[in-house]
């Protein structure tokens, strides 16, 4: 692995953004790079939790599979994001499945190295707690959407959240890289592919979104957010 690429990826990750140069360099030397094809599983729910992943390239979906073969997508992560930290903290099996949405690369940090770093670096520990708090708030918002919004509202809100994750200060047009299928979008909001297709067509007709090959264009994120609140 090229060390400078690893260091750059660590600097983009919230866990290590405030680490000093020596710590970052030490961590970078201990990382392994893994490459994944589109739709390749990174780990399954129930696997041993032996590593933390930092996304360097591409996008990864975190999902809960059902016995019937359906899935619920609970998060998507992109370059600079990390996943797989829960199993490292408590030693329990993986609580969800991680799958590449597109050709992706992750930097893998072993459990032993990770635990030593957290134990010895208060800034890393604080960053980890901040990341966990953010995840808890995001999941609370997801549960709120599932309980209190109809399917049309959930779709509009999920697209709004994706836009604001990409650009927290977005007010007008937002262009999103879009590796998702309609089945993926349905799995995010608890719907079917057919229902999402119909609702998405409605957003297209109302000029709230447009699709340009691998890009989803939200024409006015504030207007889309108001649609979610109807």
C-alpha atoms as a PDB file:
ATOM      1  CA  UNK A   1       0.000   0.000   0.000  1.00  0.00           C
ATOM      2  CA  UNK A   2       1.273   3.433  -0.827  1.00  0.00           C
ATOM      3  CA  UNK A   3       1.738   5.092   2.528  1.00  0.00           C
ATOM      4  CA  UNK A   4       0.771   8.571   1.365  1.00  0.00           C
ATOM      5  CA  UNK A   5      -2.562   7.298   0.041  1.00  0.00           C
ATOM      6  CA  UNK A   6      -3.278   5.642   3.392  1.00  0.00           C
ATOM      7  CA  UNK A   7      -2.356   8.824   5.286  1.00  0.00           C
ATOM      8  CA  UNK A   8      -4.611  10.939   3.052  1.00  0.00           C
ATOM      9  CA  UNK A   9      -7.524   8.539   3.648  1.00  0.00           C
ATOM     10  CA  UNK A  10      -6.946   8.619   7.408  1.00  0.00           C
ATOM     11  CA  UNK A  11      -6.947  12.409   7.403  1.00  0.00           C
ATOM     12  CA  UNK A  12     -10.379  12.367   5.738  1.00  0.00           C
ATOM     13  CA  UNK A  13     -11.747  10.011   8.387  1.00  0.00           C
ATOM     14  CA  UNK A  14     -13.371  11.699  11.389  1.00  0.00           C
ATOM     15  CA  UNK A  15     -11.724   9.180  13.726  1.00  0.00           C
ATOM     16  CA  UNK A  16      -8.210  10.299  12.832  1.00  0.00           C
ATOM     17  CA  UNK A  17      -8.707  13.860  11.618  1.00  0.00           C
ATOM     18  CA  UNK A  18      -7.103  15.309  14.765  1.00  0.00           C
ATOM     19  CA  UNK A  19      -4.334  12.764  15.189  1.00  0.00           C
ATOM     20  CA  UNK A  20      -0.751  13.984  15.131  1.00  0.00           C
ATOM     21  CA  UNK A  21       1.551  13.066  12.247  1.00  0.00           C
ATOM     22  CA  UNK A  22       3.357  10.334  14.161  1.00  0.00           C
ATOM     23  CA  UNK A  23       0.169   8.509  15.155  1.00  0.00           C
ATOM     24  CA  UNK A  24      -1.252   8.802  11.631  1.00  0.00           C
ATOM     25  CA  UNK A  25       1.957   7.431  10.127  1.00  0.00           C
ATOM     26  CA  UNK A  26       2.012   4.519  12.585  1.00  0.00           C
ATOM     27  CA  UNK A  27      -1.595   3.644  11.853  1.00  0.00           C
ATOM     28  CA  UNK A  28      -1.051   3.897   8.094  1.00  0.00           C
ATOM     29  CA  UNK A  29       1.727   1.324   8.224  1.00  0.00           C
ATOM     30  CA  UNK A  30      -0.602  -1.143   9.930  1.00  0.00           C
ATOM     31  CA  UNK A  31      -3.463  -0.862   7.456  1.00  0.00           C
ATOM     32  CA  UNK A  32      -4.396  -3.406   4.818  1.00  0.00           C
ATOM     33  CA  UNK A  33      -6.088  -2.338   1.606  1.00  0.00           C
ATOM     34  CA  UNK A  34      -8.963  -4.442   0.331  1.00  0.00           C
ATOM     35  CA  UNK A  35     -10.715  -4.089  -3.021  1.00  0.00           C
ATOM     36  CA  UNK A  36     -14.315  -5.107  -3.672  1.00  0.00           C
ATOM     37  CA  UNK A  37     -16.385  -5.531  -6.808  1.00  0.00           C
ATOM     38  CA  UNK A  38     -19.844  -3.980  -7.140  1.00  0.00           C
ATOM     39  CA  UNK A  39     -22.300  -5.972  -4.985  1.00  0.00           C
ATOM     40  CA  UNK A  40     -19.502  -7.930  -3.294  1.00  0.00           C
ATOM     41  CA  UNK A  41     -20.100  -8.649   0.393  1.00  0.00           C
ATOM     42  CA  UNK A  42     -17.429  -7.223   2.703  1.00  0.00           C
ATOM     43  CA  UNK A  43     -18.704  -9.078   5.744  1.00  0.00           C
ATOM     44  CA  UNK A  44     -21.928 -10.822   6.723  1.00  0.00           C
ATOM     45  CA  UNK A  45     -24.129 -10.301   9.748  1.00  0.00           C
ATOM     46  CA  UNK A  46     -22.892 -12.779  12.365  1.00  0.00           C
ATOM     47  CA  UNK A  47     -19.266 -12.832  11.195  1.00  0.00           C
ATOM     48  CA  UNK A  48     -16.537 -12.290  13.827  1.00  0.00           C
ATOM     49  CA  UNK A  49     -15.809  -8.610  14.384  1.00  0.00           C
ATOM     50  CA  UNK A  50     -12.074  -8.504  13.830  1.00  0.00           C
ATOM     51  CA  UNK A  51     -11.481  -5.223  11.987  1.00  0.00           C
ATOM     52  CA  UNK A  52     -12.560  -1.645  11.362  1.00  0.00           C
ATOM     53  CA  UNK A  53     -13.008  -0.485   7.756  1.00  0.00           C
ATOM     54  CA  UNK A  54     -12.346   3.026   6.441  1.00  0.00           C
ATOM     55  CA  UNK A  55     -13.769   3.751   2.993  1.00  0.00           C
ATOM     56  CA  UNK A  56     -11.047   4.997   0.644  1.00  0.00           C
ATOM     57  CA  UNK A  57     -12.857   4.695  -2.711  1.00  0.00           C
ATOM     58  CA  UNK A  58     -16.437   3.936  -3.672  1.00  0.00           C
ATOM     59  CA  UNK A  59     -19.516   3.419  -1.516  1.00  0.00           C
ATOM     60  CA  UNK A  60     -20.732   0.710   0.855  1.00  0.00           C
ATOM     61  CA  UNK A  61     -24.217  -0.087   2.110  1.00  0.00           C
ATOM     62  CA  UNK A  62     -24.828  -1.415   5.610  1.00  0.00           C
ATOM     63  CA  UNK A  63     -27.881  -3.648   5.613  1.00  0.00           C
ATOM     64  CA  UNK A  64     -29.985  -6.028   7.658  1.00  0.00           C
ATOM     65  CA  UNK A  65     -30.923  -9.154   5.675  1.00  0.00           C
ATOM     66  CA  UNK A  66     -34.124 -11.133   6.218  1.00  0.00           C
ATOM     67  CA  UNK A  67     -34.605 -14.888   6.055  1.00  0.00           C
ATOM     68  CA  UNK A  68     -36.732 -14.340   2.926  1.00  0.00           C
ATOM     69  CA  UNK A  69     -33.858 -12.661   1.078  1.00  0.00           C
ATOM     70  CA  UNK A  70     -35.089  -9.091   1.490  1.00  0.00           C
ATOM     71  CA  UNK A  71     -32.943  -6.371   3.023  1.00  0.00           C
ATOM     72  CA  UNK A  72     -33.225  -3.123   4.937  1.00  0.00           C
ATOM     73  CA  UNK A  73     -30.476  -0.594   4.202  1.00  0.00           C
ATOM     74  CA  UNK A  74     -29.696   1.251   7.423  1.00  0.00           C
ATOM     75  CA  UNK A  75     -26.736   3.329   6.211  1.00  0.00           C
ATOM     76  CA  UNK A  76     -24.542   4.129   3.239  1.00  0.00           C
ATOM     77  CA  UNK A  77     -20.903   5.116   3.739  1.00  0.00           C
ATOM     78  CA  UNK A  78     -18.503   6.878   1.402  1.00  0.00           C
ATOM     79  CA  UNK A  79     -14.832   7.931   1.336  1.00  0.00           C
ATOM     80  CA  UNK A  80     -13.777   9.188   4.754  1.00  0.00           C
ATOM     81  CA  UNK A  81     -16.489   7.244   6.564  1.00  0.00           C
ATOM     82  CA  UNK A  82     -15.796   4.204   8.737  1.00  0.00           C
ATOM     83  CA  UNK A  83     -17.830   1.137   9.629  1.00  0.00           C
ATOM     84  CA  UNK A  84     -17.507  -2.084  11.605  1.00  0.00           C
ATOM     85  CA  UNK A  85     -16.540  -0.376  14.873  1.00  0.00           C
ATOM     86  CA  UNK A  86     -19.313  -1.823  17.068  1.00  0.00           C
ATOM     87  CA  UNK A  87     -18.073  -5.402  16.956  1.00  0.00           C
ATOM     88  CA  UNK A  88     -14.568  -4.222  17.835  1.00  0.00           C
ATOM     89  CA  UNK A  89     -15.817  -2.555  20.994  1.00  0.00           C
ATOM     90  CA  UNK A  90     -17.837  -5.401  22.498  1.00  0.00           C
ATOM     91  CA  UNK A  91     -16.388  -8.468  20.777  1.00  0.00           C
ATOM     92  CA  UNK A  92     -19.835  -9.533  19.540  1.00  0.00           C
ATOM     93  CA  UNK A  93     -20.449 -10.836  16.008  1.00  0.00           C
ATOM     94  CA  UNK A  94     -21.182  -8.350  13.246  1.00  0.00           C
ATOM     95  CA  UNK A  95     -24.621  -6.827  13.769  1.00  0.00           C
ATOM     96  CA  UNK A  96     -25.204  -6.125  10.059  1.00  0.00           C
ATOM     97  CA  UNK A  97     -23.936  -7.004   6.583  1.00  0.00           C
ATOM     98  CA  UNK A  98     -21.698  -4.653   4.577  1.00  0.00           C
ATOM     99  CA  UNK A  99     -21.809  -4.760   0.779  1.00  0.00           C
ATOM    100  CA  UNK A 100     -20.070  -2.660  -1.880  1.00  0.00           C
ATOM    101  CA  UNK A 101     -22.486  -0.492  -3.855  1.00  0.00           C
ATOM    102  CA  UNK A 102     -19.860   0.030  -6.549  1.00  0.00           C
ATOM    103  CA  UNK A 103     -16.214  -0.827  -7.091  1.00  0.00           C
ATOM    104  CA  UNK A 104     -14.730   0.122  -3.721  1.00  0.00           C
ATOM    105  CA  UNK A 105     -11.595   0.037  -1.605  1.00  0.00           C
ATOM    106  CA  UNK A 106     -11.371   0.030   2.160  1.00  0.00           C
ATOM    107  CA  UNK A 107      -8.482   0.375   4.564  1.00  0.00           C
ATOM    108  CA  UNK A 108      -8.665  -2.291   7.236  1.00  0.00           C
ATOM    109  CA  UNK A 109      -7.484  -1.742  10.807  1.00  0.00           C
ATOM    110  CA  UNK A 110      -7.187  -4.832  12.991  1.00  0.00           C
ATOM    111  CA  UNK A 111      -8.986  -5.090  16.315  1.00  0.00           C
ATOM    112  CA  UNK A 112      -5.800  -5.256  18.397  1.00  0.00           C
ATOM    113  CA  UNK A 113      -4.325  -2.106  16.860  1.00  0.00           C
ATOM    114  CA  UNK A 114      -7.659  -0.307  17.080  1.00  0.00           C
ATOM    115  CA  UNK A 115      -8.179  -1.103  20.772  1.00  0.00           C
ATOM    116  CA  UNK A 116      -4.640  -0.012  21.661  1.00  0.00           C
ATOM    117  CA  UNK A 117      -5.174   3.282  19.867  1.00  0.00           C
ATOM    118  CA  UNK A 118      -8.501   3.963  21.596  1.00  0.00           C
ATOM    119  CA  UNK A 119      -7.018   3.104  24.994  1.00  0.00           C
ATOM    120  CA  UNK A 120      -4.000   5.386  24.587  1.00  0.00           C
ATOM    121  CA  UNK A 121      -5.320   8.366  22.635  1.00  0.00           C
ATOM    122  CA  UNK A 122      -8.078  10.435  24.319  1.00  0.00           C
ATOM    123  CA  UNK A 123      -8.737  12.357  21.102  1.00  0.00           C
ATOM    124  CA  UNK A 124      -9.398   9.145  19.216  1.00  0.00           C
ATOM    125  CA  UNK A 125     -11.665   7.933  21.992  1.00  0.00           C
ATOM    126  CA  UNK A 126     -13.609  11.207  21.898  1.00  0.00           C
ATOM    127  CA  UNK A 127     -13.877  11.021  18.098  1.00  0.00           C
ATOM    128  CA  UNK A 128     -15.182   7.468  18.366  1.00  0.00           C
ATOM    129  CA  UNK A 129     -17.823   8.498  20.907  1.00  0.00           C
ATOM    130  CA  UNK A 130     -18.843  11.414  18.680  1.00  0.00           C
ATOM    131  CA  UNK A 131     -19.172   9.045  15.744  1.00  0.00           C
ATOM    132  CA  UNK A 132     -21.294   6.624  17.758  1.00  0.00           C
ATOM    133  CA  UNK A 133     -23.532   9.458  18.982  1.00  0.00           C
ATOM    134  CA  UNK A 134     -23.997  10.659  15.402  1.00  0.00           C
ATOM    135  CA  UNK A 135     -24.940   7.129  14.330  1.00  0.00           C
ATOM    136  CA  UNK A 136     -27.445   6.803  17.179  1.00  0.00           C
ATOM    137  CA  UNK A 137     -29.101  10.093  16.218  1.00  0.00           C
ATOM    138  CA  UNK A 138     -29.234   9.014  12.571  1.00  0.00           C
ATOM    139  CA  UNK A 139     -30.877   5.703  13.498  1.00  0.00           C
ATOM    140  CA  UNK A 140     -33.350   7.510  15.781  1.00  0.00           C
ATOM    141  CA  UNK A 141     -34.295   9.739  12.846  1.00  0.00           C
ATOM    142  CA  UNK A 142     -34.707   6.679  10.635  1.00  0.00           C
ATOM    143  CA  UNK A 143     -37.065   5.042  13.147  1.00  0.00           C
ATOM    144  CA  UNK A 144     -39.024   8.297  13.415  1.00  0.00           C
ATOM    145  CA  UNK A 145     -39.458   8.409   9.624  1.00  0.00           C
ATOM    146  CA  UNK A 146     -40.642   4.785   9.496  1.00  0.00           C
ATOM    147  CA  UNK A 147     -43.263   5.386  12.207  1.00  0.00           C
ATOM    148  CA  UNK A 148     -44.587   8.837  11.389  1.00  0.00           C
ATOM    149  CA  UNK A 149     -44.200   9.405   7.628  1.00  0.00           C
ATOM    150  CA  UNK A 150     -46.041   7.688   4.809  1.00  0.00           C
ATOM    151  CA  UNK A 151     -44.001   6.102   2.030  1.00  0.00           C
ATOM    152  CA  UNK A 152     -43.983   9.266  -0.106  1.00  0.00           C
ATOM    153  CA  UNK A 153     -42.757  11.285   2.875  1.00  0.00           C
ATOM    154  CA  UNK A 154     -40.074   8.719   3.677  1.00  0.00           C
ATOM    155  CA  UNK A 155     -38.767   8.837   0.105  1.00  0.00           C
ATOM    156  CA  UNK A 156     -38.619  12.635   0.051  1.00  0.00           C
ATOM    157  CA  UNK A 157     -36.973  12.737   3.486  1.00  0.00           C
ATOM    158  CA  UNK A 158     -34.400  10.092   2.625  1.00  0.00           C
ATOM    159  CA  UNK A 159     -33.368  11.950  -0.542  1.00  0.00           C
ATOM    160  CA  UNK A 160     -33.205  15.170   1.490  1.00  0.00           C
ATOM    161  CA  UNK A 161     -30.960  13.497   4.084  1.00  0.00           C
ATOM    162  CA  UNK A 162     -28.659  12.117   1.385  1.00  0.00           C
ATOM    163  CA  UNK A 163     -28.385  15.583  -0.132  1.00  0.00           C
ATOM    164  CA  UNK A 164     -27.558  17.229   3.182  1.00  0.00           C
ATOM    165  CA  UNK A 165     -25.044  14.537   4.060  1.00  0.00           C
ATOM    166  CA  UNK A 166     -23.295  15.356   0.782  1.00  0.00           C
ATOM    167  CA  UNK A 167     -23.575  19.114   1.370  1.00  0.00           C
ATOM    168  CA  UNK A 168     -24.704  20.189   4.870  1.00  0.00           C
ATOM    169  CA  UNK A 169     -25.247  23.765   3.673  1.00  0.00           C
ATOM    170  CA  UNK A 170     -27.262  22.837   0.584  1.00  0.00           C
ATOM    171  CA  UNK A 171     -30.225  25.053  -0.185  1.00  0.00           C
ATOM    172  CA  UNK A 172     -30.878  24.796  -3.933  1.00  0.00           C
ATOM    173  CA  UNK A 173     -29.678  22.218  -6.434  1.00  0.00           C
ATOM    174  CA  UNK A 174     -27.672  19.230  -5.214  1.00  0.00           C
ATOM    175  CA  UNK A 175     -26.060  16.646  -7.479  1.00  0.00           C
ATOM    176  CA  UNK A 176     -25.535  13.205  -5.951  1.00  0.00           C
ATOM    177  CA  UNK A 177     -23.434  10.334  -7.226  1.00  0.00           C
ATOM    178  CA  UNK A 178     -26.067   7.642  -7.581  1.00  0.00           C
ATOM    179  CA  UNK A 179     -24.965   3.993  -7.429  1.00  0.00           C
ATOM    180  CA  UNK A 180     -28.356   2.930  -6.046  1.00  0.00           C
ATOM    181  CA  UNK A 181     -30.979   0.839  -7.801  1.00  0.00           C
ATOM    182  CA  UNK A 182     -34.669   1.343  -7.169  1.00  0.00           C
ATOM    183  CA  UNK A 183     -34.527  -1.841  -5.085  1.00  0.00           C
ATOM    184  CA  UNK A 184     -31.810  -0.205  -2.938  1.00  0.00           C
ATOM    185  CA  UNK A 185     -33.969   2.875  -2.493  1.00  0.00           C
ATOM    186  CA  UNK A 186     -36.936   0.702  -1.536  1.00  0.00           C
ATOM    187  CA  UNK A 187     -34.761  -1.069   1.048  1.00  0.00           C
ATOM    188  CA  UNK A 188     -33.883   2.302   2.588  1.00  0.00           C
ATOM    189  CA  UNK A 189     -37.479   3.357   3.192  1.00  0.00           C
ATOM    190  CA  UNK A 190     -39.303   0.080   3.786  1.00  0.00           C
ATOM    191  CA  UNK A 191     -41.153  -0.034   0.467  1.00  0.00           C
ATOM    192  CA  UNK A 192     -41.243  -2.125  -2.683  1.00  0.00           C
ATOM    193  CA  UNK A 193     -39.422  -1.441  -5.923  1.00  0.00           C
ATOM    194  CA  UNK A 194     -42.763  -0.914  -7.686  1.00  0.00           C
ATOM    195  CA  UNK A 195     -43.979   1.651  -5.145  1.00  0.00           C
ATOM    196  CA  UNK A 196     -40.662   3.527  -5.228  1.00  0.00           C
ATOM    197  CA  UNK A 197     -40.767   3.595  -9.039  1.00  0.00           C
ATOM    198  CA  UNK A 198     -44.213   5.233  -8.927  1.00  0.00           C
ATOM    199  CA  UNK A 199     -43.244   7.765  -6.254  1.00  0.00           C
ATOM    200  CA  UNK A 200     -39.972   8.620  -7.984  1.00  0.00           C
ATOM    201  CA  UNK A 201     -41.881   9.237 -11.212  1.00  0.00           C
ATOM    202  CA  UNK A 202     -44.045  11.695  -9.296  1.00  0.00           C
ATOM    203  CA  UNK A 203     -40.980  13.589  -8.074  1.00  0.00           C
ATOM    204  CA  UNK A 204     -39.669  13.677 -11.648  1.00  0.00           C
ATOM    205  CA  UNK A 205     -43.002  15.017 -12.940  1.00  0.00           C
ATOM    206  CA  UNK A 206     -42.989  17.736 -10.258  1.00  0.00           C
ATOM    207  CA  UNK A 207     -39.435  18.751 -11.235  1.00  0.00           C
ATOM    208  CA  UNK A 208     -38.125  17.987  -7.754  1.00  0.00           C
ATOM    209  CA  UNK A 209     -35.521  15.524  -9.033  1.00  0.00           C
ATOM    210  CA  UNK A 210     -33.976  14.429 -12.304  1.00  0.00           C
ATOM    211  CA  UNK A 211     -31.716  11.521 -13.194  1.00  0.00           C
ATOM    212  CA  UNK A 212     -28.643  11.855 -15.387  1.00  0.00           C
ATOM    213  CA  UNK A 213     -27.040   8.445 -15.829  1.00  0.00           C
ATOM    214  CA  UNK A 214     -25.138   7.884 -12.535  1.00  0.00           C
ATOM    215  CA  UNK A 215     -26.218  11.194 -10.992  1.00  0.00           C
ATOM    216  CA  UNK A 216     -29.387  12.126  -9.139  1.00  0.00           C
ATOM    217  CA  UNK A 217     -30.111  15.849  -9.328  1.00  0.00           C
ATOM    218  CA  UNK A 218     -32.259  17.355  -6.580  1.00  0.00           C
ATOM    219  CA  UNK A 219     -33.426  20.619  -8.064  1.00  0.00           C
ATOM    220  CA  UNK A 220     -34.332  22.299  -4.764  1.00  0.00           C
ATOM    221  CA  UNK A 221     -33.502  20.482  -1.535  1.00  0.00           C
ATOM    222  CA  UNK A 222     -35.595  22.819   0.623  1.00  0.00           C
ATOM    223  CA  UNK A 223     -38.662  22.242  -1.551  1.00  0.00           C
ATOM    224  CA  UNK A 224     -38.061  18.499  -1.382  1.00  0.00           C
ATOM    225  CA  UNK A 225     -37.864  18.691   2.411  1.00  0.00           C
ATOM    226  CA  UNK A 226     -41.210  20.500   2.511  1.00  0.00           C
ATOM    227  CA  UNK A 227     -42.709  17.717   0.369  1.00  0.00           C
ATOM    228  CA  UNK A 228     -41.619  15.213   3.023  1.00  0.00           C
ATOM    229  CA  UNK A 229     -43.544  17.120   5.700  1.00  0.00           C
ATOM    230  CA  UNK A 230     -46.927  17.060   3.948  1.00  0.00           C
END
